[in-house]
Amino acid sequence: MRRFRSGLVTTAFLAATLAIASTPAHAQGGAVTTTLSGVVADASQAVIPGADVSVKDNARGIVYTAVTGANGAFTVPSLNPGTYTVTVALQGFKTAVLANVVLNAGVPASVKVVLEVGALEETVVV
């Protein structure tokens, strides 16, 4: 009975030690991604629903897409930190390009895009 109790105490001690030792690793993990959101409007500040938004990770070449809602807003979640190019297009407006949008880990970012009236083939680089 004494050996059993000793083994039980040793097992409990090891389990507690592992639980305590592993906690800092989880706490240090933190957020490694971020979210980019924004609003698309025209020159009169009226929001523009239905605009196509593409967010390109300049380093990796990965493109994420979204469409603005009824309130002109969009959100692209789970982006890696880095530099991105945001492109917004809608028929009847010039395409807007926001180059070098920098995203930092765990810090949500927001942009405001103003679309100018014009042909879809025209592009405005900001």
N, C-alpha and C. Protein backbone atom coordinates (compact mmCIF):
# COMPACT_ATOMS: atom_id res chain seq x y z
N MET A 1 0.82 -1.18 0.00
CA MET A 1 0.00 0.00 0.00
C MET A 1 0.86 1.25 0.00
N ARG A 2 1.99 1.18 0.73
CA ARG A 2 2.88 2.33 0.80
C ARG A 2 3.50 2.64 -0.56
N ARG A 3 3.91 1.61 -1.33
CA ARG A 3 4.49 1.82 -2.66
C ARG A 3 3.47 2.43 -3.60
N PHE A 4 2.21 2.00 -3.48
CA PHE A 4 1.15 2.53 -4.33
C PHE A 4 0.95 4.02 -4.07
N ARG A 5 0.94 4.42 -2.80
CA ARG A 5 0.75 5.82 -2.44
C ARG A 5 1.93 6.66 -2.92
N SER A 6 3.13 6.14 -2.79
CA SER A 6 4.32 6.84 -3.24
C SER A 6 4.28 7.06 -4.76
N GLY A 7 3.87 6.03 -5.49
CA GLY A 7 3.76 6.15 -6.94
C GLY A 7 2.68 7.14 -7.34
N LEU A 8 1.58 7.16 -6.59
CA LEU A 8 0.50 8.09 -6.85
C LEU A 8 0.94 9.53 -6.62
N VAL A 9 1.69 9.75 -5.53
CA VAL A 9 2.20 11.09 -5.23
C VAL A 9 3.18 11.54 -6.32
N THR A 10 4.05 10.64 -6.74
CA THR A 10 5.02 10.96 -7.79
C THR A 10 4.31 11.30 -9.10
N THR A 11 3.29 10.54 -9.46
CA THR A 11 2.54 10.79 -10.69
C THR A 11 1.82 12.14 -10.61
N ALA A 12 1.21 12.43 -9.48
CA ALA A 12 0.52 13.71 -9.31
C ALA A 12 1.50 14.87 -9.39
N PHE A 13 2.68 14.70 -8.79
CA PHE A 13 3.69 15.75 -8.83
C PHE A 13 4.15 16.00 -10.27
N LEU A 14 4.41 14.95 -11.02
CA LEU A 14 4.84 15.10 -12.42
C LEU A 14 3.76 15.75 -13.26
N ALA A 15 2.50 15.37 -13.05
CA ALA A 15 1.40 15.97 -13.81
C ALA A 15 1.29 17.47 -13.51
N ALA A 16 1.41 17.83 -12.25
CA ALA A 16 1.34 19.25 -11.87
C ALA A 16 2.51 20.03 -12.46
N THR A 17 3.70 19.44 -12.43
CA THR A 17 4.88 20.10 -12.98
C THR A 17 4.72 20.33 -14.48
N LEU A 18 4.22 19.34 -15.21
CA LEU A 18 4.01 19.49 -16.66
C LEU A 18 2.95 20.55 -16.95
N ALA A 19 1.89 20.59 -16.16
CA ALA A 19 0.84 21.58 -16.38
C ALA A 19 1.37 22.99 -16.18
N ILE A 20 2.16 23.19 -15.14
CA ILE A 20 2.72 24.51 -14.86
C ILE A 20 3.75 24.90 -15.91
N ALA A 21 4.59 23.95 -16.31
CA ALA A 21 5.65 24.25 -17.27
C ALA A 21 5.11 24.55 -18.66
N SER A 22 3.97 23.96 -19.02
CA SER A 22 3.45 24.19 -20.37
C SER A 22 2.63 25.47 -20.48
N THR A 23 2.18 26.05 -19.38
CA THR A 23 1.36 27.25 -19.43
C THR A 23 2.05 28.43 -20.09
N PRO A 24 3.31 28.78 -19.78
CA PRO A 24 3.94 29.93 -20.44
C PRO A 24 4.02 29.78 -21.96
N ALA A 25 4.20 28.59 -22.45
CA ALA A 25 4.30 28.40 -23.89
C ALA A 25 3.00 28.81 -24.57
N HIS A 26 1.87 28.47 -23.96
CA HIS A 26 0.59 28.85 -24.54
C HIS A 26 0.38 30.36 -24.42
N ALA A 27 0.77 30.94 -23.32
CA ALA A 27 0.56 32.37 -23.11
C ALA A 27 1.42 33.20 -24.06
N GLN A 28 2.58 32.70 -24.42
CA GLN A 28 3.47 33.46 -25.30
C GLN A 28 3.06 33.37 -26.75
N GLY A 29 2.19 32.40 -27.08
CA GLY A 29 1.79 32.21 -28.46
C GLY A 29 1.17 33.45 -29.07
N GLY A 30 0.20 34.03 -28.38
CA GLY A 30 -0.42 35.27 -28.83
C GLY A 30 -1.02 35.16 -30.22
N ALA A 31 -1.55 36.24 -30.69
CA ALA A 31 -2.16 36.28 -32.01
C ALA A 31 -1.07 36.43 -33.07
N VAL A 32 -1.09 35.56 -34.05
CA VAL A 32 -0.10 35.65 -35.12
C VAL A 32 -0.73 36.14 -36.42
N THR A 33 -2.05 36.31 -36.41
CA THR A 33 -2.72 36.84 -37.59
C THR A 33 -3.45 38.13 -37.21
N THR A 34 -4.02 38.75 -38.20
CA THR A 34 -4.79 39.97 -37.95
C THR A 34 -5.94 40.05 -38.95
N THR A 35 -6.73 41.08 -38.82
CA THR A 35 -7.89 41.28 -39.67
C THR A 35 -7.76 42.63 -40.37
N LEU A 36 -8.13 42.65 -41.64
CA LEU A 36 -8.20 43.91 -42.38
C LEU A 36 -9.66 44.17 -42.69
N SER A 37 -10.13 45.33 -42.31
CA SER A 37 -11.50 45.72 -42.63
C SER A 37 -11.46 47.09 -43.28
N GLY A 38 -12.58 47.48 -43.83
CA GLY A 38 -12.62 48.78 -44.47
C GLY A 38 -14.00 49.15 -44.95
N VAL A 39 -14.09 50.36 -45.44
CA VAL A 39 -15.33 50.89 -45.99
C VAL A 39 -15.02 51.47 -47.37
N VAL A 40 -15.90 51.20 -48.30
CA VAL A 40 -15.75 51.72 -49.66
C VAL A 40 -16.87 52.73 -49.89
N ALA A 41 -16.50 53.93 -50.34
CA ALA A 41 -17.47 55.00 -50.58
C ALA A 41 -17.12 55.71 -51.88
N ASP A 42 -18.05 56.55 -52.33
CA ASP A 42 -17.77 57.36 -53.51
C ASP A 42 -17.32 58.75 -53.07
N ALA A 43 -17.10 59.64 -54.02
CA ALA A 43 -16.58 60.97 -53.71
C ALA A 43 -17.52 61.77 -52.81
N SER A 44 -18.83 61.47 -52.83
CA SER A 44 -19.78 62.18 -51.98
C SER A 44 -19.92 61.52 -50.60
N GLN A 45 -19.08 60.52 -50.33
CA GLN A 45 -19.07 59.76 -49.07
C GLN A 45 -20.25 58.79 -48.94
N ALA A 46 -20.98 58.53 -50.02
CA ALA A 46 -22.04 57.52 -50.00
C ALA A 46 -21.37 56.15 -50.08
N VAL A 47 -21.77 55.22 -49.22
CA VAL A 47 -21.16 53.90 -49.21
C VAL A 47 -21.53 53.14 -50.47
N ILE A 48 -20.64 52.23 -50.87
CA ILE A 48 -20.83 51.48 -52.10
C ILE A 48 -20.91 49.99 -51.78
N PRO A 49 -22.11 49.41 -51.87
CA PRO A 49 -22.25 47.97 -51.68
C PRO A 49 -21.89 47.22 -52.97
N GLY A 50 -21.49 45.97 -52.81
CA GLY A 50 -21.23 45.11 -53.97
C GLY A 50 -19.91 45.31 -54.67
N ALA A 51 -19.00 46.06 -54.08
CA ALA A 51 -17.68 46.25 -54.69
C ALA A 51 -16.81 45.03 -54.41
N ASP A 52 -16.03 44.63 -55.39
CA ASP A 52 -15.11 43.50 -55.24
C ASP A 52 -13.80 44.00 -54.62
N VAL A 53 -13.39 43.35 -53.54
CA VAL A 53 -12.16 43.72 -52.84
C VAL A 53 -11.20 42.54 -52.92
N SER A 54 -9.97 42.81 -53.36
CA SER A 54 -8.94 41.77 -53.32
C SER A 54 -7.77 42.30 -52.49
N VAL A 55 -7.26 41.42 -51.64
CA VAL A 55 -6.17 41.77 -50.74
C VAL A 55 -5.04 40.80 -51.03
N LYS A 56 -3.95 41.32 -51.61
CA LYS A 56 -2.84 40.47 -52.03
C LYS A 56 -1.68 40.59 -51.07
N ASP A 57 -1.23 39.45 -50.55
CA ASP A 57 -0.03 39.39 -49.72
C ASP A 57 1.16 39.56 -50.66
N ASN A 58 1.84 40.69 -50.58
CA ASN A 58 2.92 40.99 -51.53
C ASN A 58 4.07 39.99 -51.45
N ALA A 59 4.37 39.46 -50.28
CA ALA A 59 5.50 38.53 -50.14
C ALA A 59 5.17 37.13 -50.62
N ARG A 60 3.96 36.68 -50.38
CA ARG A 60 3.59 35.29 -50.69
C ARG A 60 2.79 35.16 -51.98
N GLY A 61 2.22 36.27 -52.45
CA GLY A 61 1.43 36.23 -53.68
C GLY A 61 0.02 35.69 -53.50
N ILE A 62 -0.40 35.44 -52.25
CA ILE A 62 -1.73 34.92 -51.98
C ILE A 62 -2.74 36.07 -52.04
N VAL A 63 -3.87 35.81 -52.70
CA VAL A 63 -4.91 36.83 -52.84
C VAL A 63 -6.15 36.38 -52.08
N TYR A 64 -6.67 37.26 -51.22
CA TYR A 64 -7.90 37.03 -50.47
C TYR A 64 -8.95 37.96 -51.05
N THR A 65 -10.20 37.52 -51.08
CA THR A 65 -11.25 38.34 -51.68
C THR A 65 -12.40 38.56 -50.72
N ALA A 66 -13.12 39.65 -50.96
CA ALA A 66 -14.31 39.98 -50.19
C ALA A 66 -15.19 40.85 -51.07
N VAL A 67 -16.42 41.03 -50.65
CA VAL A 67 -17.37 41.91 -51.34
C VAL A 67 -17.97 42.82 -50.29
N THR A 68 -18.08 44.11 -50.60
CA THR A 68 -18.65 45.04 -49.63
C THR A 68 -20.14 44.75 -49.43
N GLY A 69 -20.57 44.89 -48.19
CA GLY A 69 -21.97 44.67 -47.84
C GLY A 69 -22.82 45.90 -48.10
N ALA A 70 -24.05 45.87 -47.63
CA ALA A 70 -24.99 46.96 -47.84
C ALA A 70 -24.50 48.27 -47.22
N ASN A 71 -23.65 48.15 -46.19
CA ASN A 71 -23.09 49.34 -45.53
C ASN A 71 -21.75 49.76 -46.11
N GLY A 72 -21.35 49.14 -47.22
CA GLY A 72 -20.08 49.48 -47.87
C GLY A 72 -18.86 48.89 -47.19
N ALA A 73 -19.07 48.07 -46.16
CA ALA A 73 -17.96 47.54 -45.38
C ALA A 73 -17.54 46.15 -45.85
N PHE A 74 -16.28 45.83 -45.60
CA PHE A 74 -15.76 44.50 -45.87
C PHE A 74 -14.80 44.12 -44.75
N THR A 75 -14.58 42.81 -44.60
CA THR A 75 -13.63 42.30 -43.61
C THR A 75 -12.93 41.09 -44.21
N VAL A 76 -11.61 41.05 -44.05
CA VAL A 76 -10.82 39.89 -44.45
C VAL A 76 -10.07 39.43 -43.20
N PRO A 77 -10.49 38.30 -42.62
CA PRO A 77 -9.88 37.83 -41.37
C PRO A 77 -8.66 36.95 -41.61
N SER A 78 -7.95 36.68 -40.54
CA SER A 78 -6.85 35.70 -40.50
C SER A 78 -5.74 35.97 -41.51
N LEU A 79 -5.30 37.20 -41.60
CA LEU A 79 -4.19 37.55 -42.50
C LEU A 79 -2.88 37.50 -41.72
N ASN A 80 -1.84 37.03 -42.37
CA ASN A 80 -0.51 37.02 -41.77
C ASN A 80 0.04 38.44 -41.76
N PRO A 81 0.90 38.75 -40.80
CA PRO A 81 1.55 40.07 -40.82
C PRO A 81 2.34 40.24 -42.11
N GLY A 82 2.40 41.47 -42.60
CA GLY A 82 3.15 41.73 -43.82
C GLY A 82 2.59 42.93 -44.55
N THR A 83 3.04 43.07 -45.79
CA THR A 83 2.62 44.18 -46.64
C THR A 83 1.67 43.66 -47.71
N TYR A 84 0.56 44.35 -47.87
CA TYR A 84 -0.49 43.92 -48.78
C TYR A 84 -0.83 45.02 -49.78
N THR A 85 -1.43 44.61 -50.90
CA THR A 85 -2.00 45.54 -51.87
C THR A 85 -3.49 45.28 -51.90
N VAL A 86 -4.27 46.33 -51.66
CA VAL A 86 -5.73 46.23 -51.64
C VAL A 86 -6.26 46.84 -52.93
N THR A 87 -7.06 46.08 -53.66
CA THR A 87 -7.64 46.54 -54.92
C THR A 87 -9.16 46.46 -54.80
N VAL A 88 -9.84 47.56 -55.16
CA VAL A 88 -11.30 47.60 -55.09
C VAL A 88 -11.83 47.98 -56.47
N ALA A 89 -12.79 47.18 -56.97
CA ALA A 89 -13.34 47.41 -58.30
C ALA A 89 -14.85 47.24 -58.30
N LEU A 90 -15.51 48.04 -59.10
CA LEU A 90 -16.94 47.94 -59.32
C LEU A 90 -17.25 48.61 -60.65
N GLN A 91 -18.08 47.96 -61.45
CA GLN A 91 -18.42 48.51 -62.75
C GLN A 91 -19.01 49.91 -62.59
N GLY A 92 -18.54 50.82 -63.44
CA GLY A 92 -18.98 52.21 -63.40
C GLY A 92 -18.06 53.10 -62.58
N PHE A 93 -17.04 52.49 -61.94
CA PHE A 93 -16.08 53.23 -61.14
C PHE A 93 -14.67 52.87 -61.58
N LYS A 94 -13.74 53.79 -61.35
CA LYS A 94 -12.33 53.49 -61.58
C LYS A 94 -11.87 52.53 -60.49
N THR A 95 -11.02 51.60 -60.86
CA THR A 95 -10.47 50.67 -59.88
C THR A 95 -9.49 51.42 -58.98
N ALA A 96 -9.61 51.21 -57.67
CA ALA A 96 -8.71 51.85 -56.71
C ALA A 96 -7.71 50.82 -56.20
N VAL A 97 -6.46 51.22 -56.08
CA VAL A 97 -5.40 50.34 -55.59
C VAL A 97 -4.68 51.03 -54.43
N LEU A 98 -4.69 50.39 -53.28
CA LEU A 98 -3.93 50.87 -52.12
C LEU A 98 -2.70 49.98 -52.00
N ALA A 99 -1.55 50.53 -52.35
CA ALA A 99 -0.30 49.75 -52.29
C ALA A 99 0.33 49.89 -50.91
N ASN A 100 1.06 48.87 -50.52
CA ASN A 100 1.86 48.89 -49.28
C ASN A 100 1.05 49.13 -48.01
N VAL A 101 -0.04 48.38 -47.86
CA VAL A 101 -0.81 48.40 -46.62
C VAL A 101 -0.12 47.43 -45.66
N VAL A 102 0.42 47.95 -44.56
CA VAL A 102 1.20 47.13 -43.63
C VAL A 102 0.28 46.61 -42.52
N LEU A 103 0.31 45.28 -42.32
CA LEU A 103 -0.47 44.64 -41.26
C LEU A 103 0.49 44.06 -40.22
N ASN A 104 0.20 44.33 -38.95
CA ASN A 104 1.00 43.81 -37.85
C ASN A 104 0.22 42.72 -37.11
N ALA A 105 0.90 41.74 -36.58
CA ALA A 105 0.27 40.62 -35.88
C ALA A 105 -0.58 41.11 -34.72
N GLY A 106 -1.81 40.62 -34.66
CA GLY A 106 -2.69 40.91 -33.55
C GLY A 106 -3.24 42.32 -33.50
N VAL A 107 -2.97 43.13 -34.52
CA VAL A 107 -3.44 44.52 -34.54
C VAL A 107 -4.38 44.68 -35.74
N PRO A 108 -5.69 44.69 -35.52
CA PRO A 108 -6.61 44.84 -36.64
C PRO A 108 -6.36 46.17 -37.37
N ALA A 109 -6.43 46.12 -38.69
CA ALA A 109 -6.20 47.32 -39.50
C ALA A 109 -7.47 47.68 -40.25
N SER A 110 -7.57 48.95 -40.62
CA SER A 110 -8.74 49.42 -41.33
C SER A 110 -8.31 50.40 -42.42
N VAL A 111 -9.01 50.35 -43.55
CA VAL A 111 -8.73 51.29 -44.64
C VAL A 111 -10.05 51.90 -45.11
N LYS A 112 -9.95 53.07 -45.70
CA LYS A 112 -11.11 53.69 -46.34
C LYS A 112 -10.73 53.89 -47.79
N VAL A 113 -11.59 53.41 -48.67
CA VAL A 113 -11.33 53.49 -50.10
C VAL A 113 -12.41 54.36 -50.74
N VAL A 114 -11.98 55.33 -51.52
CA VAL A 114 -12.92 56.19 -52.24
C VAL A 114 -12.82 55.84 -53.72
N LEU A 115 -13.94 55.42 -54.28
CA LEU A 115 -13.98 55.10 -55.71
C LEU A 115 -14.46 56.32 -56.48
N GLU A 116 -13.77 56.59 -57.59
CA GLU A 116 -14.15 57.70 -58.47
C GLU A 116 -14.99 57.15 -59.61
N VAL A 117 -15.96 57.93 -60.03
CA VAL A 117 -16.79 57.52 -61.16
C VAL A 117 -15.92 57.45 -62.40
N GLY A 118 -16.10 56.40 -63.19
CA GLY A 118 -15.32 56.23 -64.41
C GLY A 118 -15.50 54.84 -64.95
N ALA A 119 -14.78 54.51 -65.97
CA ALA A 119 -14.86 53.19 -66.58
C ALA A 119 -14.11 52.18 -65.72
N LEU A 120 -14.51 50.93 -65.80
CA LEU A 120 -13.89 49.86 -65.02
C LEU A 120 -12.42 49.69 -65.38
N GLU A 121 -12.05 50.02 -66.62
CA GLU A 121 -10.68 49.82 -67.07
C GLU A 121 -9.72 50.83 -66.46
N GLU A 122 -10.22 51.93 -65.92
CA GLU A 122 -9.36 52.95 -65.34
C GLU A 122 -8.96 52.55 -63.93
N THR A 123 -7.72 52.81 -63.58
CA THR A 123 -7.21 52.46 -62.26
C THR A 123 -6.57 53.67 -61.60
N VAL A 124 -6.91 53.86 -60.33
CA VAL A 124 -6.32 54.94 -59.55
C VAL A 124 -5.45 54.29 -58.48
N VAL A 125 -4.14 54.55 -58.51
CA VAL A 125 -3.21 53.99 -57.52
C VAL A 125 -2.95 55.04 -56.46
N VAL A 126 -3.19 54.64 -55.19
CA VAL A 126 -3.01 55.57 -54.08
C VAL A 126 -1.74 55.23 -53.35
